[in-house]
Structure formats: structure tokens, C-alpha cells
Protein backbone atom coordinates (compact mmCIF):
# COMPACT_ATOMS: atom_id res chain seq x y z
CA UNK A 1 -80.87 47.88 -6.86
CA UNK A 2 -79.27 48.13 -10.53
CA UNK A 3 -80.23 50.02 -13.27
CA UNK A 4 -81.45 48.04 -16.34
CA UNK A 5 -79.02 48.47 -19.41
CA UNK A 6 -80.43 50.37 -22.00
CA UNK A 7 -78.26 48.75 -24.74
CA UNK A 8 -76.91 45.59 -23.75
CA UNK A 9 -75.19 44.76 -26.88
CA UNK A 10 -73.37 47.25 -29.09
CA UNK A 11 -72.08 46.10 -32.94
CA UNK A 12 -69.32 47.58 -34.57
CA UNK A 13 -68.30 46.82 -38.07
CA UNK A 14 -65.04 46.74 -39.77
CA UNK A 15 -63.81 46.04 -43.30
CA UNK A 16 -62.83 42.47 -43.83
CA UNK A 17 -59.38 41.35 -44.22
CA UNK A 18 -60.09 38.05 -45.15
CA UNK A 19 -62.20 37.15 -48.74
CA UNK A 20 -64.25 34.83 -47.31
CA UNK A 21 -65.55 37.41 -44.71
CA UNK A 22 -68.07 40.12 -46.07
CA UNK A 23 -67.57 42.27 -42.42
CA UNK A 24 -65.53 42.05 -38.98
CA UNK A 25 -67.29 42.01 -36.07
CA UNK A 26 -66.27 43.72 -32.91
CA UNK A 27 -69.40 42.97 -30.27
CA UNK A 28 -69.50 45.21 -26.96
CA UNK A 29 -71.35 43.21 -23.78
CA UNK A 30 -72.55 45.53 -21.43
CA UNK A 31 -73.30 44.06 -18.14
CA UNK A 32 -73.70 45.39 -14.27
CA UNK A 33 -70.25 44.44 -13.62
CA UNK A 34 -68.72 45.94 -16.56
CA UNK A 35 -68.28 45.45 -20.54
CA UNK A 36 -67.16 42.36 -22.35
CA UNK A 37 -65.41 42.90 -25.56
CA UNK A 38 -65.02 40.37 -28.00
CA UNK A 39 -62.87 41.23 -31.39
CA UNK A 40 -62.53 38.92 -34.64
CA UNK A 41 -66.24 38.29 -34.82
CA UNK A 42 -67.69 37.48 -38.56
CA UNK A 43 -70.47 38.17 -40.69
CA UNK A 44 -70.48 35.14 -43.50
CA UNK A 45 -72.38 34.04 -46.33
CA UNK A 46 -72.89 30.30 -46.67
CA UNK A 47 -73.22 28.38 -49.85
CA UNK A 48 -76.89 28.85 -49.85
CA UNK A 49 -76.42 32.34 -49.66
CA UNK A 50 -77.52 32.58 -46.20
CA UNK A 51 -75.59 35.35 -44.00
CA UNK A 52 -74.38 34.27 -40.94
CA UNK A 53 -72.51 35.33 -37.83
CA UNK A 54 -69.37 33.56 -36.26
CA UNK A 55 -68.19 34.00 -33.26
CA UNK A 56 -63.95 34.10 -32.97
CA UNK A 57 -62.26 30.72 -34.08
CA UNK A 58 -58.47 29.60 -33.99
CA UNK A 59 -57.25 26.47 -35.74
CA UNK A 60 -55.48 23.56 -34.25
CA UNK A 61 -53.35 21.40 -36.58
CA UNK A 62 -55.02 17.68 -36.62
CA UNK A 63 -53.05 15.01 -38.92
CA UNK A 64 -52.49 17.33 -41.70
CA UNK A 65 -55.90 19.02 -41.74
CA UNK A 66 -57.11 21.45 -39.51
CA UNK A 67 -59.95 21.91 -36.62
CA UNK A 68 -61.46 24.85 -35.53
CA UNK A 69 -62.06 25.25 -32.31
CA UNK A 70 -64.16 28.72 -30.35
CA UNK A 71 -62.27 31.57 -28.76
CA UNK A 72 -65.36 32.42 -26.66
CA UNK A 73 -68.47 30.32 -26.05
CA UNK A 74 -72.06 32.00 -25.22
CA UNK A 75 -75.35 30.78 -24.09
CA UNK A 76 -77.52 29.46 -26.80
CA UNK A 77 -79.80 32.61 -25.96
CA UNK A 78 -77.16 35.07 -25.54
CA UNK A 79 -75.51 34.03 -29.10
CA UNK A 80 -78.44 34.17 -30.59
CA UNK A 81 -79.16 37.86 -29.35
CA UNK A 82 -75.30 38.56 -30.43
CA UNK A 83 -76.11 37.60 -34.02
CA UNK A 84 -79.50 38.76 -34.52
CA UNK A 85 -77.54 42.43 -33.39
CA UNK A 86 -74.57 41.54 -35.78
CA UNK A 87 -76.62 40.18 -38.64
CA UNK A 88 -78.92 43.49 -38.34
CA UNK A 89 -76.31 46.15 -38.33
CA UNK A 90 -74.41 44.31 -41.22
CA UNK A 91 -78.02 44.51 -43.47
CA UNK A 92 -78.47 48.23 -42.24
CA UNK A 93 -74.53 48.77 -43.10
CA UNK A 94 -75.57 47.42 -46.74
CA UNK A 95 -78.92 49.51 -47.24
CA UNK A 96 -76.53 52.42 -46.17
CA UNK A 97 -78.38 53.01 -42.81
CA UNK A 98 -76.57 53.74 -39.72
CA UNK A 99 -74.78 50.94 -37.39
């Protein structure tokens, strides 16, 4: 029988290289089969001032504009867990706390 994972989601924050991004996020999802690493997640702030987490995307040219498509897709429940962990880590880092 497999042992339960004590910390299945690990978040690492790095300084952002895009002006619109508050922090770059690496997500490690620890599973019984191994670790899944997602690079290039982002912490952003919308026009209403709310923080939100974005999984990585890539752009595709559509006529004269761009369409952004997900590089990674998670189930709704897993996305919520990852987003909450990423936002919590960012808020702690802003208060000067440990990640």
C-alpha cells in the first residue's frame, strides 16, 4: 500500500521577467508515480486589484491578433489546489515570510 504524500504540491517563486507578472511560479506535483514539474506559472493582478494564478500558456497568431492556449491543463479541483498554494506562497513572500 502506498504511503500518503505529506506535501503533494510544492511552490517555488522567482522574480518575474515580464512587467505584467508579479512573480514567476514553478509548481511541483508529487505523485505516487513521480514528480510533475510545471514551469512558467504566473502570479498576476487584474484591473480590479485581485491576485490570480495563471498556468503557462503559448500564443498562436490568428489573423492580426493572438490567441493564448494552455500549455498545461489540470482538473478543476487540482487547479484550485495549485492556485491556492501559489497565491498563499506569494502573499507570504510579500509579508517577508518563508515559502
